[in-house]
Amino acid sequence: MSRDRRAARFTASGTGKMAPFAGLGAHSPVHNAAAATPAPTLTLDALGKKCPIPIIMLADRIREVPVGQLIEVLADDPAAKTDLPAWCALKSQEFVTSADLPVGWSFLVRRSY
């Protein structure tokens, strides 16, 4: 197979992202994780609270949800964009995703243990 034809199999037209192969489904590089993410078990509203309060709220309440379930943290302090993923890495919890809100962001964390 020519190099150009191989490249055409991997590139979605005009997007620059890899196109899914038939049968790969959720394992495809262009899979939208947010579309497949279930609703959070617990939502923590830290809007209007400054660092480190969103992290403290998460640390205090993460044990309230079963292992494998999601916690949503709502925050508008810009420090949360780096603090939450860093805390998850430090504490071996899974940082799933973040999304922009009209005011602030929504962060999803999956309890790992």
PDB file of N, CA and C in Angstrom:
ATOM      1  N   MET A   1       0.857  -1.170   0.000  1.00  0.00           N
ATOM      2  CA  MET A   1       0.000   0.000   0.000  1.00  0.00           C
ATOM      3  C   MET A   1       0.902   1.231   0.000  1.00  0.00           C
ATOM      4  N   SER A   2       0.508   2.228  -0.751  1.00  0.00           N
ATOM      5  CA  SER A   2       1.343   3.421  -0.836  1.00  0.00           C
ATOM      6  C   SER A   2       1.284   4.203   0.467  1.00  0.00           C
ATOM      7  N   ARG A   3       2.308   4.993   0.682  1.00  0.00           N
ATOM      8  CA  ARG A   3       2.381   5.802   1.897  1.00  0.00           C
ATOM      9  C   ARG A   3       1.211   6.765   1.995  1.00  0.00           C
ATOM     10  N   ASP A   4       0.801   7.379   0.881  1.00  0.00           N
ATOM     11  CA  ASP A   4      -0.328   8.311   0.892  1.00  0.00           C
ATOM     12  C   ASP A   4      -1.629   7.612   1.258  1.00  0.00           C
ATOM     13  N   ARG A   5      -1.810   6.381   0.761  1.00  0.00           N
ATOM     14  CA  ARG A   5      -3.036   5.651   1.079  1.00  0.00           C
ATOM     15  C   ARG A   5      -3.057   5.252   2.550  1.00  0.00           C
ATOM     16  N   ARG A   6      -1.899   4.873   3.113  1.00  0.00           N
ATOM     17  CA  ARG A   6      -1.845   4.542   4.538  1.00  0.00           C
ATOM     18  C   ARG A   6      -2.181   5.771   5.375  1.00  0.00           C
ATOM     19  N   ALA A   7      -1.627   6.917   5.016  1.00  0.00           N
ATOM     20  CA  ALA A   7      -1.903   8.151   5.750  1.00  0.00           C
ATOM     21  C   ALA A   7      -3.380   8.508   5.684  1.00  0.00           C
ATOM     22  N   ALA A   8      -4.011   8.265   4.542  1.00  0.00           N
ATOM     23  CA  ALA A   8      -5.434   8.583   4.390  1.00  0.00           C
ATOM     24  C   ALA A   8      -6.286   7.735   5.325  1.00  0.00           C
ATOM     25  N   ARG A   9      -5.837   6.515   5.651  1.00  0.00           N
ATOM     26  CA  ARG A   9      -6.586   5.666   6.573  1.00  0.00           C
ATOM     27  C   ARG A   9      -6.574   6.225   7.986  1.00  0.00           C
ATOM     28  N   PHE A  10      -5.540   6.964   8.340  1.00  0.00           N
ATOM     29  CA  PHE A  10      -5.375   7.433   9.711  1.00  0.00           C
ATOM     30  C   PHE A  10      -5.862   8.853   9.953  1.00  0.00           C
ATOM     31  N   THR A  11      -6.057   9.638   8.929  1.00  0.00           N
ATOM     32  CA  THR A  11      -6.388  11.037   9.118  1.00  0.00           C
ATOM     33  C   THR A  11      -7.834  11.303   8.739  1.00  0.00           C
ATOM     34  N   ALA A  12      -8.565  11.905   9.655  1.00  0.00           N
ATOM     35  CA  ALA A  12      -9.933  12.310   9.354  1.00  0.00           C
ATOM     36  C   ALA A  12      -9.869  13.546   8.472  1.00  0.00           C
ATOM     37  N   SER A  13     -10.655  13.579   7.465  1.00  0.00           N
ATOM     38  CA  SER A  13     -10.608  14.654   6.487  1.00  0.00           C
ATOM     39  C   SER A  13     -10.799  16.016   7.135  1.00  0.00           C
ATOM     40  N   GLY A  14      -9.782  16.854   7.010  1.00  0.00           N
ATOM     41  CA  GLY A  14      -9.877  18.239   7.451  1.00  0.00           C
ATOM     42  C   GLY A  14      -9.736  18.465   8.942  1.00  0.00           C
ATOM     43  N   THR A  15      -9.664  17.410   9.764  1.00  0.00           N
ATOM     44  CA  THR A  15      -9.601  17.629  11.207  1.00  0.00           C
ATOM     45  C   THR A  15      -8.200  17.523  11.755  1.00  0.00           C
ATOM     46  N   GLY A  16      -7.342  16.795  11.064  1.00  0.00           N
ATOM     47  CA  GLY A  16      -5.996  16.593  11.577  1.00  0.00           C
ATOM     48  C   GLY A  16      -5.941  15.574  12.698  1.00  0.00           C
ATOM     49  N   LYS A  17      -7.090  14.993  13.054  1.00  0.00           N
ATOM     50  CA  LYS A  17      -7.142  13.973  14.097  1.00  0.00           C
ATOM     51  C   LYS A  17      -7.209  12.608  13.442  1.00  0.00           C
ATOM     52  N   MET A  18      -6.832  11.600  14.195  1.00  0.00           N
ATOM     53  CA  MET A  18      -6.893  10.249  13.667  1.00  0.00           C
ATOM     54  C   MET A  18      -8.342   9.803  13.588  1.00  0.00           C
ATOM     55  N   ALA A  19      -8.684   9.155  12.490  1.00  0.00           N
ATOM     56  CA  ALA A  19     -10.030   8.627  12.299  1.00  0.00           C
ATOM     57  C   ALA A  19     -10.120   7.243  12.928  1.00  0.00           C
ATOM     58  N   PRO A  20     -11.283   6.872  13.437  1.00  0.00           N
ATOM     59  CA  PRO A  20     -11.412   5.554  14.048  1.00  0.00           C
ATOM     60  C   PRO A  20     -11.411   4.466  12.993  1.00  0.00           C
ATOM     61  N   PHE A  21     -10.829   3.326  13.330  1.00  0.00           N
ATOM     62  CA  PHE A  21     -10.955   2.148  12.499  1.00  0.00           C
ATOM     63  C   PHE A  21     -12.275   1.497  12.831  1.00  0.00           C
ATOM     64  N   ALA A  22     -12.841   0.790  11.886  1.00  0.00           N
ATOM     65  CA  ALA A  22     -14.095   0.090  12.143  1.00  0.00           C
ATOM     66  C   ALA A  22     -13.877  -0.898  13.278  1.00  0.00           C
ATOM     67  N   GLY A  23     -14.772  -0.886  14.243  1.00  0.00           N
ATOM     68  CA  GLY A  23     -14.688  -1.842  15.333  1.00  0.00           C
ATOM     69  C   GLY A  23     -13.906  -1.353  16.548  1.00  0.00           C
ATOM     70  N   LEU A  24     -13.255  -0.219  16.487  1.00  0.00           N
ATOM     71  CA  LEU A  24     -12.485   0.242  17.642  1.00  0.00           C
ATOM     72  C   LEU A  24     -13.348   0.998  18.640  1.00  0.00           C
ATOM     73  N   GLY A  25     -14.372   1.650  18.194  1.00  0.00           N
ATOM     74  CA  GLY A  25     -15.304   2.334  19.077  1.00  0.00           C
ATOM     75  C   GLY A  25     -14.643   3.247  20.085  1.00  0.00           C
ATOM     76  N   ALA A  26     -14.836   2.953  21.372  1.00  0.00           N
ATOM     77  CA  ALA A  26     -14.357   3.820  22.449  1.00  0.00           C
ATOM     78  C   ALA A  26     -12.844   3.899  22.516  1.00  0.00           C
ATOM     79  N   HIS A  27     -12.130   2.970  21.877  1.00  0.00           N
ATOM     80  CA  HIS A  27     -10.678   2.984  21.924  1.00  0.00           C
ATOM     81  C   HIS A  27     -10.088   3.861  20.835  1.00  0.00           C
ATOM     82  N   SER A  28     -10.923   4.455  20.031  1.00  0.00           N
ATOM     83  CA  SER A  28     -10.477   5.306  18.938  1.00  0.00           C
ATOM     84  C   SER A  28      -9.889   6.605  19.478  1.00  0.00           C
ATOM     85  N   PRO A  29      -8.860   7.161  18.822  1.00  0.00           N
ATOM     86  CA  PRO A  29      -8.258   8.419  19.270  1.00  0.00           C
ATOM     87  C   PRO A  29      -9.206   9.607  19.225  1.00  0.00           C
ATOM     88  N   VAL A  30     -10.290   9.541  18.442  1.00  0.00           N
ATOM     89  CA  VAL A  30     -11.208  10.673  18.367  1.00  0.00           C
ATOM     90  C   VAL A  30     -12.450  10.455  19.224  1.00  0.00           C
ATOM     91  N   HIS A  31     -12.446   9.427  20.060  1.00  0.00           N
ATOM     92  CA  HIS A  31     -13.567   9.145  20.945  1.00  0.00           C
ATOM     93  C   HIS A  31     -13.788  10.320  21.893  1.00  0.00           C
ATOM     94  N   ASN A  32     -15.027  10.726  22.074  1.00  0.00           N
ATOM     95  CA  ASN A  32     -15.372  11.828  22.960  1.00  0.00           C
ATOM     96  C   ASN A  32     -15.671  11.282  24.349  1.00  0.00           C
ATOM     97  N   ALA A  33     -14.724  11.430  25.270  1.00  0.00           N
ATOM     98  CA  ALA A  33     -14.871  10.895  26.628  1.00  0.00           C
ATOM     99  C   ALA A  33     -16.056  11.517  27.350  1.00  0.00           C
ATOM    100  N   ALA A  34     -16.326  12.793  27.107  1.00  0.00           N
ATOM    101  CA  ALA A  34     -17.421  13.468  27.800  1.00  0.00           C
ATOM    102  C   ALA A  34     -18.765  12.852  27.437  1.00  0.00           C
ATOM    103  N   ALA A  35     -18.923  12.393  26.200  1.00  0.00           N
ATOM    104  CA  ALA A  35     -20.188  11.814  25.770  1.00  0.00           C
ATOM    105  C   ALA A  35     -20.457  10.493  26.485  1.00  0.00           C
ATOM    106  N   ALA A  36     -19.411   9.756  26.839  1.00  0.00           N
ATOM    107  CA  ALA A  36     -19.566   8.455  27.469  1.00  0.00           C
ATOM    108  C   ALA A  36     -19.441   8.518  28.991  1.00  0.00           C
ATOM    109  N   THR A  37     -19.188   9.671  29.546  1.00  0.00           N
ATOM    110  CA  THR A  37     -18.983   9.807  30.983  1.00  0.00           C
ATOM    111  C   THR A  37     -20.330   9.835  31.696  1.00  0.00           C
ATOM    112  N   PRO A  38     -20.520   8.948  32.681  1.00  0.00           N
ATOM    113  CA  PRO A  38     -21.784   8.952  33.425  1.00  0.00           C
ATOM    114  C   PRO A  38     -21.901  10.180  34.327  1.00  0.00           C
ATOM    115  N   ALA A  39     -23.081  10.398  34.838  1.00  0.00           N
ATOM    116  CA  ALA A  39     -23.322  11.530  35.725  1.00  0.00           C
ATOM    117  C   ALA A  39     -22.546  11.351  37.023  1.00  0.00           C
ATOM    118  N   PRO A  40     -22.069  12.449  37.600  1.00  0.00           N
ATOM    119  CA  PRO A  40     -21.336  12.341  38.869  1.00  0.00           C
ATOM    120  C   PRO A  40     -22.255  11.909  40.005  1.00  0.00           C
ATOM    121  N   THR A  41     -21.675  11.179  40.955  1.00  0.00           N
ATOM    122  CA  THR A  41     -22.388  10.752  42.147  1.00  0.00           C
ATOM    123  C   THR A  41     -22.532  11.908  43.132  1.00  0.00           C
ATOM    124  N   LEU A  42     -21.540  12.801  43.141  1.00  0.00           N
ATOM    125  CA  LEU A  42     -21.501  13.919  44.080  1.00  0.00           C
ATOM    126  C   LEU A  42     -21.007  15.159  43.354  1.00  0.00           C
ATOM    127  N   THR A  43     -21.644  16.298  43.577  1.00  0.00           N
ATOM    128  CA  THR A  43     -21.188  17.572  43.020  1.00  0.00           C
ATOM    129  C   THR A  43     -20.830  18.500  44.169  1.00  0.00           C
ATOM    130  N   LEU A  44     -19.615  19.048  44.103  1.00  0.00           N
ATOM    131  CA  LEU A  44     -19.132  19.998  45.109  1.00  0.00           C
ATOM    132  C   LEU A  44     -19.114  21.388  44.496  1.00  0.00           C
ATOM    133  N   ASP A  45     -19.826  22.312  45.087  1.00  0.00           N
ATOM    134  CA  ASP A  45     -19.898  23.684  44.580  1.00  0.00           C
ATOM    135  C   ASP A  45     -18.881  24.549  45.301  1.00  0.00           C
ATOM    136  N   ALA A  46     -17.727  24.769  44.644  1.00  0.00           N
ATOM    137  CA  ALA A  46     -16.686  25.620  45.208  1.00  0.00           C
ATOM    138  C   ALA A  46     -16.616  26.951  44.468  1.00  0.00           C
ATOM    139  N   LEU A  47     -17.677  27.311  43.772  1.00  0.00           N
ATOM    140  CA  LEU A  47     -17.716  28.595  43.060  1.00  0.00           C
ATOM    141  C   LEU A  47     -17.608  29.732  44.069  1.00  0.00           C
ATOM    142  N   GLY A  48     -16.739  30.677  43.780  1.00  0.00           N
ATOM    143  CA  GLY A  48     -16.535  31.808  44.669  1.00  0.00           C
ATOM    144  C   GLY A  48     -15.517  31.554  45.769  1.00  0.00           C
ATOM    145  N   LYS A  49     -15.008  30.342  45.819  1.00  0.00           N
ATOM    146  CA  LYS A  49     -14.024  30.012  46.858  1.00  0.00           C
ATOM    147  C   LYS A  49     -12.622  29.990  46.248  1.00  0.00           C
ATOM    148  N   LYS A  50     -11.671  30.516  46.967  1.00  0.00           N
ATOM    149  CA  LYS A  50     -10.289  30.611  46.480  1.00  0.00           C
ATOM    150  C   LYS A  50      -9.479  29.396  46.917  1.00  0.00           C
ATOM    151  N   CYS A  51      -8.371  29.215  46.226  1.00  0.00           N
ATOM    152  CA  CYS A  51      -7.414  28.162  46.528  1.00  0.00           C
ATOM    153  C   CYS A  51      -6.988  28.302  47.990  1.00  0.00           C
ATOM    154  N   PRO A  52      -6.928  27.248  48.711  1.00  0.00           N
ATOM    155  CA  PRO A  52      -7.023  25.818  48.382  1.00  0.00           C
ATOM    156  C   PRO A  52      -8.375  25.195  48.717  1.00  0.00           C
ATOM    157  N   ILE A  53      -9.412  26.002  48.911  1.00  0.00           N
ATOM    158  CA  ILE A  53     -10.710  25.495  49.371  1.00  0.00           C
ATOM    159  C   ILE A  53     -11.287  24.416  48.441  1.00  0.00           C
ATOM    160  N   PRO A  54     -11.263  24.565  47.095  1.00  0.00           N
ATOM    161  CA  PRO A  54     -11.813  23.482  46.259  1.00  0.00           C
ATOM    162  C   PRO A  54     -11.112  22.137  46.500  1.00  0.00           C
ATOM    163  N   ILE A  55      -9.800  22.154  46.699  1.00  0.00           N
ATOM    164  CA  ILE A  55      -9.048  20.930  46.958  1.00  0.00           C
ATOM    165  C   ILE A  55      -9.412  20.363  48.334  1.00  0.00           C
ATOM    166  N   ILE A  56      -9.532  21.227  49.313  1.00  0.00           N
ATOM    167  CA  ILE A  56      -9.902  20.778  50.666  1.00  0.00           C
ATOM    168  C   ILE A  56     -11.291  20.146  50.646  1.00  0.00           C
ATOM    169  N   MET A  57     -12.222  20.763  49.926  1.00  0.00           N
ATOM    170  CA  MET A  57     -13.572  20.209  49.817  1.00  0.00           C
ATOM    171  C   MET A  57     -13.534  18.817  49.179  1.00  0.00           C
ATOM    172  N   LEU A  58     -12.772  18.671  48.116  1.00  0.00           N
ATOM    173  CA  LEU A  58     -12.652  17.379  47.445  1.00  0.00           C
ATOM    174  C   LEU A  58     -12.023  16.344  48.373  1.00  0.00           C
ATOM    175  N   ALA A  59     -10.928  16.707  49.012  1.00  0.00           N
ATOM    176  CA  ALA A  59     -10.233  15.776  49.911  1.00  0.00           C
ATOM    177  C   ALA A  59     -11.128  15.338  51.075  1.00  0.00           C
ATOM    178  N   ASP A  60     -11.936  16.257  51.592  1.00  0.00           N
ATOM    179  CA  ASP A  60     -12.813  15.944  52.730  1.00  0.00           C
ATOM    180  C   ASP A  60     -13.969  15.028  52.345  1.00  0.00           C
ATOM    181  N   ARG A  61     -14.416  15.098  51.082  1.00  0.00           N
ATOM    182  CA  ARG A  61     -15.654  14.405  50.729  1.00  0.00           C
ATOM    183  C   ARG A  61     -15.490  13.254  49.749  1.00  0.00           C
ATOM    184  N   ILE A  62     -14.282  13.021  49.245  1.00  0.00           N
ATOM    185  CA  ILE A  62     -14.102  11.975  48.237  1.00  0.00           C
ATOM    186  C   ILE A  62     -14.497  10.595  48.762  1.00  0.00           C
ATOM    187  N   ARG A  63     -14.352  10.364  50.064  1.00  0.00           N
ATOM    188  CA  ARG A  63     -14.689   9.064  50.645  1.00  0.00           C
ATOM    189  C   ARG A  63     -16.199   8.810  50.706  1.00  0.00           C
ATOM    190  N   GLU A  64     -16.993   9.820  50.391  1.00  0.00           N
ATOM    191  CA  GLU A  64     -18.448   9.657  50.404  1.00  0.00           C
ATOM    192  C   GLU A  64     -18.971   8.917  49.183  1.00  0.00           C
ATOM    193  N   VAL A  65     -18.166   8.817  48.139  1.00  0.00           N
ATOM    194  CA  VAL A  65     -18.621   8.127  46.931  1.00  0.00           C
ATOM    195  C   VAL A  65     -17.903   6.786  46.803  1.00  0.00           C
ATOM    196  N   PRO A  66     -18.560   5.810  46.223  1.00  0.00           N
ATOM    197  CA  PRO A  66     -17.925   4.505  46.050  1.00  0.00           C
ATOM    198  C   PRO A  66     -16.739   4.574  45.078  1.00  0.00           C
ATOM    199  N   VAL A  67     -15.792   3.669  45.253  1.00  0.00           N
ATOM    200  CA  VAL A  67     -14.658   3.572  44.338  1.00  0.00           C
ATOM    201  C   VAL A  67     -15.188   3.378  42.920  1.00  0.00           C
ATOM    202  N   GLY A  68     -14.620   4.107  41.980  1.00  0.00           N
ATOM    203  CA  GLY A  68     -15.034   4.026  40.582  1.00  0.00           C
ATOM    204  C   GLY A  68     -16.063   5.063  40.185  1.00  0.00           C
ATOM    205  N   GLN A  69     -16.658   5.745  41.151  1.00  0.00           N
ATOM    206  CA  GLN A  69     -17.677   6.746  40.859  1.00  0.00           C
ATOM    207  C   GLN A  69     -17.048   8.130  40.668  1.00  0.00           C
ATOM    208  N   LEU A  70     -17.831   9.038  40.077  1.00  0.00           N
ATOM    209  CA  LEU A  70     -17.341  10.374  39.755  1.00  0.00           C
ATOM    210  C   LEU A  70     -17.782  11.420  40.763  1.00  0.00           C
ATOM    211  N   ILE A  71     -16.900  12.381  40.960  1.00  0.00           N
ATOM    212  CA  ILE A  71     -17.182  13.577  41.753  1.00  0.00           C
ATOM    213  C   ILE A  71     -16.975  14.761  40.833  1.00  0.00           C
ATOM    214  N   GLU A  72     -17.929  15.670  40.828  1.00  0.00           N
ATOM    215  CA  GLU A  72     -17.808  16.899  40.045  1.00  0.00           C
ATOM    216  C   GLU A  72     -17.459  18.029  40.999  1.00  0.00           C
ATOM    217  N   VAL A  73     -16.445  18.803  40.643  1.00  0.00           N
ATOM    218  CA  VAL A  73     -16.072  19.976  41.419  1.00  0.00           C
ATOM    219  C   VAL A  73     -16.307  21.191  40.545  1.00  0.00           C
ATOM    220  N   LEU A  74     -17.146  22.106  41.013  1.00  0.00           N
ATOM    221  CA  LEU A  74     -17.387  23.365  40.314  1.00  0.00           C
ATOM    222  C   LEU A  74     -16.517  24.422  40.960  1.00  0.00           C
ATOM    223  N   ALA A  75     -15.705  25.102  40.169  1.00  0.00           N
ATOM    224  CA  ALA A  75     -14.796  26.113  40.722  1.00  0.00           C
ATOM    225  C   ALA A  75     -14.583  27.220  39.700  1.00  0.00           C
ATOM    226  N   ASP A  76     -14.329  28.424  40.221  1.00  0.00           N
ATOM    227  CA  ASP A  76     -14.034  29.553  39.328  1.00  0.00           C
ATOM    228  C   ASP A  76     -12.684  30.199  39.628  1.00  0.00           C
ATOM    229  N   ASP A  77     -11.943  29.670  40.580  1.00  0.00           N
ATOM    230  CA  ASP A  77     -10.589  30.153  40.852  1.00  0.00           C
ATOM    231  C   ASP A  77      -9.659  29.558  39.797  1.00  0.00           C
ATOM    232  N   PRO A  78      -8.947  30.394  39.027  1.00  0.00           N
ATOM    233  CA  PRO A  78      -8.061  29.866  37.983  1.00  0.00           C
ATOM    234  C   PRO A  78      -7.038  28.851  38.484  1.00  0.00           C
ATOM    235  N   ALA A  79      -6.651  28.918  39.747  1.00  0.00           N
ATOM    236  CA  ALA A  79      -5.693  27.955  40.295  1.00  0.00           C
ATOM    237  C   ALA A  79      -6.249  26.532  40.260  1.00  0.00           C
ATOM    238  N   ALA A  80      -7.552  26.377  40.267  1.00  0.00           N
ATOM    239  CA  ALA A  80      -8.161  25.047  40.256  1.00  0.00           C
ATOM    240  C   ALA A  80      -7.807  24.278  38.981  1.00  0.00           C
ATOM    241  N   LYS A  81      -7.569  24.989  37.884  1.00  0.00           N
ATOM    242  CA  LYS A  81      -7.254  24.319  36.617  1.00  0.00           C
ATOM    243  C   LYS A  81      -5.957  23.515  36.699  1.00  0.00           C
ATOM    244  N   THR A  82      -5.039  23.937  37.531  1.00  0.00           N
ATOM    245  CA  THR A  82      -3.799  23.174  37.710  1.00  0.00           C
ATOM    246  C   THR A  82      -3.807  22.396  39.025  1.00  0.00           C
ATOM    247  N   ASP A  83      -4.445  22.943  40.044  1.00  0.00           N
ATOM    248  CA  ASP A  83      -4.447  22.296  41.357  1.00  0.00           C
ATOM    249  C   ASP A  83      -5.185  20.963  41.375  1.00  0.00           C
ATOM    250  N   LEU A  84      -6.347  20.893  40.736  1.00  0.00           N
ATOM    251  CA  LEU A  84      -7.126  19.655  40.775  1.00  0.00           C
ATOM    252  C   LEU A  84      -6.410  18.501  40.077  1.00  0.00           C
ATOM    253  N   PRO A  85      -5.909  18.669  38.848  1.00  0.00           N
ATOM    254  CA  PRO A  85      -5.162  17.555  38.241  1.00  0.00           C
ATOM    255  C   PRO A  85      -3.916  17.182  39.051  1.00  0.00           C
ATOM    256  N   ALA A  86      -3.239  18.166  39.615  1.00  0.00           N
ATOM    257  CA  ALA A  86      -2.037  17.884  40.411  1.00  0.00           C
ATOM    258  C   ALA A  86      -2.403  17.106  41.677  1.00  0.00           C
ATOM    259  N   TRP A  87      -3.478  17.486  42.347  1.00  0.00           N
ATOM    260  CA  TRP A  87      -3.911  16.775  43.552  1.00  0.00           C
ATOM    261  C   TRP A  87      -4.272  15.335  43.208  1.00  0.00           C
ATOM    262  N   CYS A  88      -4.979  15.148  42.080  1.00  0.00           N
ATOM    263  CA  CYS A  88      -5.353  13.790  41.665  1.00  0.00           C
ATOM    264  C   CYS A  88      -4.118  12.927  41.438  1.00  0.00           C
ATOM    265  N   ALA A  89      -3.111  13.471  40.776  1.00  0.00           N
ATOM    266  CA  ALA A  89      -1.875  12.719  40.540  1.00  0.00           C
ATOM    267  C   ALA A  89      -1.177  12.402  41.858  1.00  0.00           C
ATOM    268  N   LEU A  90      -1.140  13.360  42.741  1.00  0.00           N
ATOM    269  CA  LEU A  90      -0.493  13.182  44.037  1.00  0.00           C
ATOM    270  C   LEU A  90      -1.193  12.129  44.894  1.00  0.00           C
ATOM    271  N   LYS A  91      -2.501  12.090  44.813  1.00  0.00           N
ATOM    272  CA  LYS A  91      -3.303  11.189  45.650  1.00  0.00           C
ATOM    273  C   LYS A  91      -3.761   9.933  44.918  1.00  0.00           C
ATOM    274  N   SER A  92      -3.255   9.694  43.714  1.00  0.00           N
ATOM    275  CA  SER A  92      -3.601   8.510  42.912  1.00  0.00           C
ATOM    276  C   SER A  92      -5.096   8.401  42.644  1.00  0.00           C
ATOM    277  N   GLN A  93      -5.729   9.537  42.411  1.00  0.00           N
ATOM    278  CA  GLN A  93      -7.123   9.575  41.972  1.00  0.00           C
ATOM    279  C   GLN A  93      -7.108   9.922  40.483  1.00  0.00           C
ATOM    280  N   GLU A  94      -8.170   9.603  39.764  1.00  0.00           N
ATOM    281  CA  GLU A  94      -8.193   9.818  38.319  1.00  0.00           C
ATOM    282  C   GLU A  94      -8.854  11.157  37.969  1.00  0.00           C
ATOM    283  N   PHE A  95      -8.074  12.060  37.381  1.00  0.00           N
ATOM    284  CA  PHE A  95      -8.646  13.295  36.847  1.00  0.00           C
ATOM    285  C   PHE A  95      -9.225  12.943  35.491  1.00  0.00           C
ATOM    286  N   VAL A  96     -10.535  13.062  35.332  1.00  0.00           N
ATOM    287  CA  VAL A  96     -11.206  12.607  34.118  1.00  0.00           C
ATOM    288  C   VAL A  96     -11.234  13.693  33.053  1.00  0.00           C
ATOM    289  N   THR A  97     -11.777  14.848  33.389  1.00  0.00           N
ATOM    290  CA  THR A  97     -11.913  15.910  32.393  1.00  0.00           C
ATOM    291  C   THR A  97     -12.293  17.216  33.071  1.00  0.00           C
ATOM    292  N   SER A  98     -12.216  18.277  32.312  1.00  0.00           N
ATOM    293  CA  SER A  98     -12.734  19.570  32.767  1.00  0.00           C
ATOM    294  C   SER A  98     -13.543  20.162  31.629  1.00  0.00           C
ATOM    295  N   ALA A  99     -14.482  21.007  31.985  1.00  0.00           N
ATOM    296  CA  ALA A  99     -15.323  21.668  30.988  1.00  0.00           C
ATOM    297  C   ALA A  99     -15.555  23.101  31.419  1.00  0.00           C
ATOM    298  N   ASP A 100     -15.592  23.988  30.444  1.00  0.00           N
ATOM    299  CA  ASP A 100     -15.878  25.394  30.711  1.00  0.00           C
ATOM    300  C   ASP A 100     -17.351  25.570  31.054  1.00  0.00           C
ATOM    301  N   LEU A 101     -17.608  26.403  32.033  1.00  0.00           N
ATOM    302  CA  LEU A 101     -18.964  26.802  32.394  1.00  0.00           C
ATOM    303  C   LEU A 101     -19.099  28.285  32.085  1.00  0.00           C
ATOM    304  N   PRO A 102     -20.316  28.820  32.069  1.00  0.00           N
ATOM    305  CA  PRO A 102     -20.452  30.266  31.867  1.00  0.00           C
ATOM    306  C   PRO A 102     -19.613  31.060  32.876  1.00  0.00           C
ATOM    307  N   VAL A 103     -19.523  30.550  34.094  1.00  0.00           N
ATOM    308  CA  VAL A 103     -18.656  31.126  35.123  1.00  0.00           C
ATOM    309  C   VAL A 103     -17.866  29.979  35.729  1.00  0.00           C
ATOM    310  N   GLY A 104     -16.582  29.904  35.451  1.00  0.00           N
ATOM    311  CA  GLY A 104     -15.735  28.872  36.026  1.00  0.00           C
ATOM    312  C   GLY A 104     -15.679  27.608  35.195  1.00  0.00           C
ATOM    313  N   TRP A 105     -15.421  26.502  35.895  1.00  0.00           N
ATOM    314  CA  TRP A 105     -15.219  25.220  35.242  1.00  0.00           C
ATOM    315  C   TRP A 105     -15.857  24.102  36.041  1.00  0.00           C
ATOM    316  N   SER A 106     -16.107  23.012  35.363  1.00  0.00           N
ATOM    317  CA  SER A 106     -16.558  21.774  35.977  1.00  0.00           C
ATOM    318  C   SER A 106     -15.414  20.775  35.822  1.00  0.00           C
ATOM    319  N   PHE A 107     -15.002  20.160  36.912  1.00  0.00           N
ATOM    320  CA  PHE A 107     -13.934  19.167  36.902  1.00  0.00           C
ATOM    321  C   PHE A 107     -14.508  17.840  37.354  1.00  0.00           C
ATOM    322  N   LEU A 108     -14.165  16.775  36.637  1.00  0.00           N
ATOM    323  CA  LEU A 108     -14.617  15.442  37.032  1.00  0.00           C
ATOM    324  C   LEU A 108     -13.433  14.623  37.518  1.00  0.00           C
ATOM    325  N   VAL A 109     -13.619  14.006  38.670  1.00  0.00           N
ATOM    326  CA  VAL A 109     -12.608  13.174  39.296  1.00  0.00           C
ATOM    327  C   VAL A 109     -13.248  11.817  39.596  1.00  0.00           C
ATOM    328  N   ARG A 110     -12.557  10.740  39.216  1.00  0.00           N
ATOM    329  CA  ARG A 110     -13.034   9.391  39.520  1.00  0.00           C
ATOM    330  C   ARG A 110     -12.269   8.873  40.742  1.00  0.00           C
ATOM    331  N   ARG A 111     -12.987   8.411  41.743  1.00  0.00           N
ATOM    332  CA  ARG A 111     -12.348   7.849  42.934  1.00  0.00           C
ATOM    333  C   ARG A 111     -11.692   6.525  42.566  1.00  0.00           C
ATOM    334  N   SER A 112     -10.411   6.417  42.804  1.00  0.00           N
ATOM    335  CA  SER A 112      -9.652   5.218  42.429  1.00  0.00           C
ATOM    336  C   SER A 112      -9.507   4.201  43.557  1.00  0.00           C
ATOM    337  N   TYR A 113      -9.571   4.642  44.787  1.00  0.00           N
ATOM    338  CA  TYR A 113      -9.432   3.706  45.913  1.00  0.00           C
ATOM    339  C   TYR A 113     -10.214   4.209  47.096  1.00  0.00           C
TER     340      TYR A 113
END
